[in-house]
N, C-alpha and C. Protein backbone atom coordinates (compact mmCIF):
# COMPACT_ATOMS: atom_id res chain seq x y z
N MET A 1 -8.99 -3.37 16.33
CA MET A 1 -9.06 -3.40 15.10
C MET A 1 -8.28 -2.36 14.88
N LEU A 2 -7.95 -1.95 13.43
CA LEU A 2 -7.07 -0.65 12.88
C LEU A 2 -8.75 -0.12 12.34
N GLU A 3 -8.96 1.21 12.70
CA GLU A 3 -10.28 1.99 11.92
C GLU A 3 -9.82 2.23 10.24
N GLU A 4 -11.18 2.32 9.49
CA GLU A 4 -10.86 2.07 8.07
C GLU A 4 -10.11 3.15 7.55
N SER A 5 -9.47 4.44 7.98
CA SER A 5 -9.09 5.61 7.27
C SER A 5 -7.80 5.03 7.83
N LEU A 6 -7.74 4.35 8.98
CA LEU A 6 -5.65 4.59 8.93
C LEU A 6 -5.57 3.15 8.51
N THR A 7 -6.30 2.39 8.07
CA THR A 7 -6.26 0.80 7.11
C THR A 7 -5.66 1.52 5.97
N ALA A 8 -6.70 2.55 5.31
CA ALA A 8 -6.42 3.14 3.83
C ALA A 8 -5.13 3.75 4.13
N LEU A 9 -4.86 4.64 4.84
CA LEU A 9 -3.26 5.40 5.21
C LEU A 9 -2.60 4.43 4.87
N ALA A 10 -2.70 3.23 5.62
CA ALA A 10 -1.17 2.34 5.67
C ALA A 10 -1.40 1.49 4.70
N ALA A 11 -2.36 1.54 3.70
CA ALA A 11 -1.85 1.07 2.38
C ALA A 11 -1.32 1.85 1.25
N ALA A 12 -1.92 3.15 1.23
CA ALA A 12 -0.74 3.97 0.88
C ALA A 12 0.65 4.62 1.02
N GLY A 13 0.66 4.58 2.26
CA GLY A 13 1.79 4.49 3.07
C GLY A 13 2.95 3.42 2.22
N GLY A 14 2.18 2.24 2.26
CA GLY A 14 3.06 1.19 1.53
C GLY A 14 3.20 1.17 0.16
N GLY A 15 2.65 1.81 -0.96
CA GLY A 15 2.69 1.65 -2.02
C GLY A 15 3.54 2.74 -2.13
N ALA A 16 3.64 4.17 -1.65
CA ALA A 16 4.45 5.10 -1.69
C ALA A 16 6.09 4.01 -1.04
N VAL A 17 5.84 3.77 0.00
CA VAL A 17 7.46 3.25 0.34
C VAL A 17 7.85 2.81 -0.81
N VAL A 18 7.34 1.46 -1.41
CA VAL A 18 7.56 0.84 -2.23
C VAL A 18 8.02 1.47 -3.44
N ALA A 19 7.16 2.20 -3.83
CA ALA A 19 7.41 3.17 -5.15
C ALA A 19 8.56 3.46 -5.70
N ALA A 20 9.19 4.42 -3.90
CA ALA A 20 10.44 4.70 -4.05
C ALA A 20 11.33 4.05 -4.48
N MET A 21 11.41 2.50 -3.82
CA MET A 21 12.61 1.95 -3.89
C MET A 21 13.17 2.21 -5.40
N ALA A 22 14.62 1.62 -5.24
CA ALA A 22 15.35 1.94 -6.58
C ALA A 22 14.97 3.08 -7.53
N THR A 23 14.92 3.86 -6.55
CA THR A 23 14.75 5.10 -7.40
C THR A 23 15.42 6.45 -6.85
N ASP A 24 15.57 7.74 -7.63
CA ASP A 24 16.06 8.79 -7.36
C ASP A 24 15.56 9.10 -5.74
N ALA A 25 14.16 8.82 -5.42
CA ALA A 25 13.57 9.76 -4.37
C ALA A 25 13.83 8.72 -2.91
N TRP A 26 14.43 7.57 -3.36
CA TRP A 26 14.28 6.54 -2.02
C TRP A 26 15.08 6.86 -1.19
N GLN A 27 16.46 7.23 -1.04
CA GLN A 27 17.21 7.78 0.48
C GLN A 27 16.41 8.50 1.00
N VAL A 28 15.85 9.56 0.10
CA VAL A 28 14.61 10.59 1.25
C VAL A 28 13.51 10.14 1.62
N THR A 29 12.99 9.17 0.84
CA THR A 29 11.60 8.21 1.87
C THR A 29 12.59 6.97 2.38
N ARG A 30 13.40 6.36 2.28
CA ARG A 30 14.07 5.60 3.72
C ARG A 30 14.02 6.01 4.81
N ASP A 31 15.12 7.47 4.82
CA ASP A 31 15.07 8.19 6.26
C ASP A 31 13.57 8.39 6.44
N GLY A 32 12.89 8.89 5.68
CA GLY A 32 11.30 9.31 6.32
C GLY A 32 10.83 7.91 7.32
N VAL A 33 11.12 6.76 6.40
CA VAL A 33 10.47 5.93 6.88
C VAL A 33 11.05 5.22 8.05
N VAL A 34 12.69 5.04 7.95
CA VAL A 34 13.44 4.98 9.51
C VAL A 34 12.77 6.17 11.06
N ARG A 35 12.79 7.41 10.59
CA ARG A 35 12.26 8.15 11.58
C ARG A 35 10.75 7.80 11.78
N LEU A 36 10.14 7.56 10.89
CA LEU A 36 8.89 7.27 11.28
C LEU A 36 8.59 5.87 12.52
N PHE A 37 9.25 5.08 12.09
CA PHE A 37 9.73 3.85 12.78
C PHE A 37 10.34 4.00 13.82
N ARG A 38 10.65 5.14 14.32
CA ARG A 38 12.13 5.53 15.43
C ARG A 38 12.92 5.04 15.08
N GLY A 39 13.75 4.82 14.19
CA GLY A 39 15.26 3.94 14.19
C GLY A 39 15.04 2.74 14.92
N ARG A 40 14.21 1.88 14.25
CA ARG A 40 13.92 0.35 14.48
C ARG A 40 14.92 -0.48 13.79
N ALA A 41 16.14 -1.03 14.14
CA ALA A 41 17.07 -1.66 13.34
C ALA A 41 16.21 -2.74 12.54
N GLU A 42 15.42 -3.44 12.88
CA GLU A 42 14.81 -4.70 12.12
C GLU A 42 14.22 -4.02 10.62
N VAL A 43 14.02 -2.24 11.32
CA VAL A 43 12.81 -1.87 10.04
C VAL A 43 14.01 -1.35 8.83
N GLU A 44 15.22 -0.53 9.54
CA GLU A 44 16.07 -0.38 8.53
C GLU A 44 16.84 -1.32 7.65
N GLY A 45 17.14 -2.68 8.09
CA GLY A 45 17.07 -3.60 7.48
C GLY A 45 16.46 -4.50 6.70
N ARG A 46 15.20 -4.28 6.85
CA ARG A 46 14.04 -4.65 5.86
C ARG A 46 14.05 -3.87 4.89
N LEU A 47 14.19 -2.28 5.05
CA LEU A 47 14.30 -1.59 3.83
C LEU A 47 15.08 -1.76 3.15
N GLU A 48 16.41 -2.13 3.59
CA GLU A 48 17.46 -2.29 2.75
C GLU A 48 17.59 -3.79 1.88
N GLU A 49 16.87 -4.67 2.25
CA GLU A 49 16.48 -6.12 1.89
C GLU A 49 15.30 -5.59 0.78
N ASP A 50 14.82 -5.23 1.08
CA ASP A 50 13.58 -4.79 -0.42
C ASP A 50 13.95 -3.83 -1.49
N ALA A 51 14.33 -2.78 -0.92
CA ALA A 51 15.05 -1.97 -2.12
C ALA A 51 15.93 -2.92 -2.91
N ALA A 52 16.85 -3.65 -2.72
CA ALA A 52 17.85 -4.40 -3.12
C ALA A 52 16.80 -5.37 -4.17
N LEU A 53 15.98 -6.16 -3.65
CA LEU A 53 14.97 -6.79 -4.06
C LEU A 53 14.79 -6.38 -5.70
N VAL A 54 14.02 -4.92 -5.12
CA VAL A 54 13.51 -4.35 -6.35
C VAL A 54 14.76 -3.78 -7.63
N ALA A 55 15.60 -3.31 -6.80
CA ALA A 55 16.98 -3.05 -7.45
C ALA A 55 17.42 -4.26 -8.28
N GLY A 56 17.12 -5.20 -8.12
CA GLY A 56 17.70 -6.26 -8.58
C GLY A 56 16.91 -7.43 -9.44
N ALA A 57 15.37 -6.93 -9.69
CA ALA A 57 14.50 -7.79 -10.00
C ALA A 57 14.60 -7.42 -11.56
N GLU A 58 14.47 -8.76 -12.19
CA GLU A 58 14.04 -8.55 -13.82
C GLU A 58 13.13 -7.86 -14.06
N ASN A 59 11.74 -7.63 -13.46
CA ASN A 59 10.66 -6.77 -13.36
C ASN A 59 10.31 -6.17 -12.21
N ALA A 60 11.04 -5.05 -11.91
CA ALA A 60 10.69 -4.20 -10.93
C ALA A 60 9.80 -3.99 -10.26
N GLY A 61 8.35 -3.62 -11.64
CA GLY A 61 6.91 -3.48 -11.23
C GLY A 61 6.32 -4.40 -10.32
N GLU A 62 6.60 -5.73 -10.64
CA GLU A 62 6.21 -6.89 -10.45
C GLU A 62 6.58 -7.29 -8.63
N ALA A 63 8.02 -6.70 -8.91
CA ALA A 63 8.56 -6.70 -7.50
C ALA A 63 8.22 -5.95 -6.38
N ARG A 64 8.19 -4.20 -6.70
CA ARG A 64 7.12 -3.68 -5.79
C ARG A 64 5.73 -4.21 -5.54
N GLN A 65 4.79 -4.40 -6.61
CA GLN A 65 3.88 -5.07 -6.58
C GLN A 65 3.70 -5.88 -5.21
N ALA A 66 4.04 -7.32 -5.47
CA ALA A 66 4.63 -8.07 -4.29
C ALA A 66 4.94 -7.42 -2.92
N LEU A 67 5.52 -6.60 -2.72
CA LEU A 67 6.16 -5.74 -1.80
C LEU A 67 5.08 -5.09 -1.26
N VAL A 68 4.01 -4.34 -1.68
CA VAL A 68 3.57 -2.93 -1.28
C VAL A 68 2.29 -4.02 0.44
N PRO A 69 1.76 -5.17 -0.07
CA PRO A 69 1.22 -5.34 1.12
C PRO A 69 1.49 -5.75 2.23
N ALA A 70 2.96 -6.15 1.90
CA ALA A 70 3.78 -6.35 3.73
C ALA A 70 4.47 -4.54 4.22
N TRP A 71 4.50 -4.04 3.17
CA TRP A 71 4.53 -2.51 4.02
C TRP A 71 3.32 -2.18 4.73
N ALA A 72 2.12 -1.93 3.89
CA ALA A 72 1.24 -1.94 4.37
C ALA A 72 0.76 -2.22 5.77
N LEU A 73 0.94 -3.55 5.71
CA LEU A 73 0.71 -4.70 7.24
C LEU A 73 1.34 -3.92 7.89
N ARG A 74 3.10 -3.61 8.01
CA ARG A 74 3.85 -3.05 8.84
C ARG A 74 3.56 -1.64 9.24
N LEU A 75 2.87 -0.82 8.34
CA LEU A 75 2.03 0.86 8.50
C LEU A 75 1.31 0.54 9.39
N GLY A 76 0.58 -0.50 9.12
CA GLY A 76 -0.79 -0.83 9.62
C GLY A 76 -1.01 -0.98 11.13
N ALA A 77 0.14 -1.98 11.38
CA ALA A 77 0.42 -2.59 12.89
C ALA A 77 1.68 -1.02 13.54
N LEU A 78 2.13 -0.69 12.83
CA LEU A 78 2.50 1.06 13.62
C LEU A 78 1.46 2.13 14.00
N LEU A 79 0.46 2.07 12.96
CA LEU A 79 -0.59 2.71 13.20
C LEU A 79 -1.91 2.38 14.75
N ALA A 80 -1.54 0.96 14.27
CA ALA A 80 -2.17 0.39 15.64
C ALA A 80 -2.11 0.87 16.48
N GLU A 81 -0.80 0.66 16.92
CA GLU A 81 0.12 1.19 18.46
C GLU A 81 0.36 2.24 18.58
N HIS A 82 0.32 3.11 17.23
CA HIS A 82 0.88 4.46 17.45
C HIS A 82 -0.05 5.54 16.56
N PRO A 83 -1.56 5.45 16.70
CA PRO A 83 -2.37 6.41 15.38
C PRO A 83 -2.03 7.73 15.63
N GLU A 84 -0.99 8.20 16.43
CA GLU A 84 -0.57 9.74 16.72
C GLU A 84 0.46 9.84 15.27
N TYR A 85 0.88 8.75 14.70
CA TYR A 85 1.92 8.86 13.60
C TYR A 85 1.14 9.12 12.36
N ALA A 86 -0.10 9.08 12.49
CA ALA A 86 -0.71 9.22 11.45
C ALA A 86 -0.63 10.41 10.39
N ASP A 87 -0.42 11.38 10.94
CA ASP A 87 -0.14 12.63 10.44
C ASP A 87 1.32 12.62 9.61
N GLU A 88 1.82 12.33 10.42
CA GLU A 88 3.89 11.84 9.99
C GLU A 88 3.77 10.95 8.30
N LEU A 89 3.07 10.05 8.43
CA LEU A 89 2.93 8.97 7.54
C LEU A 89 1.94 9.74 6.54
N ARG A 90 1.30 10.56 6.85
CA ARG A 90 0.64 11.12 5.51
C ARG A 90 1.74 12.34 4.78
N ALA A 91 2.56 12.93 5.52
CA ALA A 91 3.35 14.20 5.35
C ALA A 91 4.47 13.09 4.51
N LEU A 92 4.87 11.77 4.79
CA LEU A 92 5.63 11.40 3.90
C LEU A 92 5.25 10.83 2.52
N ILE A 93 4.01 10.38 2.79
CA ILE A 93 3.45 9.94 1.65
C ILE A 93 3.06 11.06 0.65
N ARG A 94 3.10 12.37 0.92
CA ARG A 94 2.88 13.79 0.38
C ARG A 94 4.20 13.78 -0.09
N ASP A 95 5.16 13.63 0.39
CA ASP A 95 6.63 14.40 0.16
C ASP A 95 7.35 13.33 -0.98
N THR A 96 6.51 11.81 -1.12
CA THR A 96 7.37 10.84 -1.44
C THR A 96 6.81 11.01 -3.07
N PRO A 97 8.21 11.60 -4.34
CA PRO A 97 8.31 11.75 -5.67
C PRO A 97 7.46 10.55 -5.74
N GLY A 98 6.69 10.54 -7.15
CA GLY A 98 6.45 9.20 -7.51
C GLY A 98 5.50 8.67 -7.20
N ALA A 99 5.09 8.56 -5.92
CA ALA A 99 4.15 7.93 -5.19
C ALA A 99 2.58 8.03 -5.67
N GLN A 100 2.13 7.10 -5.46
CA GLN A 100 0.76 7.21 -6.34
C GLN A 100 -0.46 7.59 -5.21
N HIS A 101 -1.27 8.61 -5.74
CA HIS A 101 -2.22 8.78 -4.51
C HIS A 101 -3.64 8.60 -4.89
N SER A 102 -4.03 7.48 -4.63
CA SER A 102 -5.88 7.17 -5.33
C SER A 102 -6.87 7.28 -4.18
N VAL A 103 -7.69 7.38 -4.27
CA VAL A 103 -9.18 7.45 -3.41
C VAL A 103 -10.15 6.94 -4.38
N GLN A 104 -11.10 6.09 -3.50
CA GLN A 104 -11.98 4.67 -4.49
C GLN A 104 -13.16 4.74 -3.66
N HIS A 105 -14.08 5.35 -3.85
CA HIS A 105 -15.17 5.35 -2.85
C HIS A 105 -16.20 4.26 -3.75
N ASN A 106 -16.63 3.43 -3.29
CA ASN A 106 -17.47 2.31 -4.05
C ASN A 106 -18.77 2.36 -3.19
N THR A 107 -20.57 2.11 -3.70
CA THR A 107 -21.53 1.77 -2.68
C THR A 107 -22.47 1.16 -3.68
N ALA A 108 -22.80 -0.08 -2.74
CA ALA A 108 -23.68 -0.68 -3.57
C ALA A 108 -24.96 -0.53 -2.65
N HIS A 109 -26.25 -0.88 -2.92
CA HIS A 109 -27.40 -1.15 -2.66
C HIS A 109 -28.40 -1.69 -2.71
N GLY A 110 -29.35 -2.41 -2.17
CA GLY A 110 -30.44 -3.30 -2.03
C GLY A 110 -29.51 -4.42 -2.38
N ASN A 111 -29.51 -4.86 -4.00
CA ASN A 111 -29.37 -6.21 -4.65
C ASN A 111 -27.72 -6.17 -5.57
N GLY A 112 -27.26 -4.67 -5.25
CA GLY A 112 -26.24 -4.17 -6.18
C GLY A 112 -25.15 -4.71 -6.24
N ARG A 113 -24.26 -4.42 -7.04
CA ARG A 113 -22.97 -5.12 -7.24
C ARG A 113 -22.21 -4.04 -7.16
N VAL A 114 -20.72 -4.09 -6.60
CA VAL A 114 -19.59 -3.66 -6.65
C VAL A 114 -18.57 -3.97 -7.11
N PHE A 115 -17.77 -3.58 -8.62
CA PHE A 115 -16.60 -4.23 -8.47
C PHE A 115 -15.69 -2.76 -8.85
N GLY A 116 -15.03 -2.58 -7.83
CA GLY A 116 -13.89 -1.65 -8.30
C GLY A 116 -12.45 -2.60 -7.87
N VAL A 117 -11.26 -1.42 -8.74
CA VAL A 117 -9.94 -2.13 -8.92
C VAL A 117 -8.97 -0.80 -9.01
N GLN A 118 -7.92 -0.98 -8.36
CA GLN A 118 -7.34 0.30 -8.90
C GLN A 118 -5.87 0.03 -9.29
N HIS A 119 -4.95 0.11 -9.83
CA HIS A 119 -3.62 -0.42 -10.36
C HIS A 119 -3.56 -1.90 -10.36
N GLY A 120 -4.67 -2.01 -11.28
CA GLY A 120 -4.32 -3.49 -11.10
C GLY A 120 -5.96 -4.14 -12.20
N ASN A 121 -6.28 -5.46 -11.89
CA ASN A 121 -7.38 -6.18 -13.18
C ASN A 121 -8.37 -6.59 -12.25
N ILE A 122 -9.40 -6.85 -12.65
CA ILE A 122 -10.41 -7.22 -12.24
C ILE A 122 -11.15 -8.18 -13.33
N VAL A 123 -11.30 -9.75 -12.93
CA VAL A 123 -12.12 -10.17 -14.18
C VAL A 123 -13.33 -10.85 -13.21
N PHE A 124 -14.50 -10.63 -13.89
CA PHE A 124 -15.43 -10.97 -13.68
C PHE A 124 -16.62 -11.75 -14.26
N HIS A 125 -17.08 -13.16 -13.96
CA HIS A 125 -17.42 -14.19 -14.66
C HIS A 125 -18.73 -14.49 -14.41
N GLN A 126 -19.71 -14.18 -14.87
CA GLN A 126 -21.20 -14.23 -14.33
C GLN A 126 -21.85 -14.95 -14.71
N GLY A 127 -22.18 -16.74 -14.19
CA GLY A 127 -23.09 -17.79 -14.88
C GLY A 127 -24.02 -17.55 -15.49
N PRO A 128 -24.71 -18.35 -16.35
CA PRO A 128 -26.10 -18.01 -16.72
C PRO A 128 -27.03 -18.10 -15.74
N GLU A 129 -28.09 -17.10 -16.24
CA GLU A 129 -28.94 -16.68 -15.12
C GLU A 129 -29.93 -17.74 -14.64
N PRO A 130 -30.55 -18.23 -13.72
CA PRO A 130 -31.15 -19.08 -13.30
C PRO A 130 -32.77 -19.10 -14.37
N ARG A 131 -32.92 -20.35 -14.61
CA ARG A 131 -34.18 -19.96 -15.31
C ARG A 131 -35.71 -20.28 -14.47
N PRO A 132 -36.16 -19.54 -14.87
CA PRO A 132 -37.59 -19.17 -14.03
C PRO A 132 -38.22 -20.76 -13.37
N ASP A 133 -38.26 -21.46 -14.16
CA ASP A 133 -38.88 -22.87 -14.14
C ASP A 133 -38.07 -23.96 -13.52
N ALA A 134 -37.16 -23.50 -12.77
CA ALA A 134 -35.99 -24.62 -12.66
C ALA A 134 -36.10 -24.65 -11.26
């Protein structure tokens, strides 16, 4: 199982890669991902297909949002196999123009609840409190 910090790094990497698709930063980011995966042909093909999907999408933002989990998963699998690539992925994220860099720490103690979300929405509906005499 991938440690939590590498899972977060993979998620950030997925976001950075997808954020660069169909932008002026794409070629540089694409080349960095190809280097990170050591030139695996299937990764190059997937990058091109996904970038074409974003470029041709009616709503590029929605297309990007749909692709982030897949790239986070791919990067997570790579880091599970090669944790030594973490610094290289950090550099790729840092050097990707327009990539969102977010950190969120949530802690709940006792009977506390935490509701956290970034770059999206959260909807919470709480039912009525139970009656003491019920």
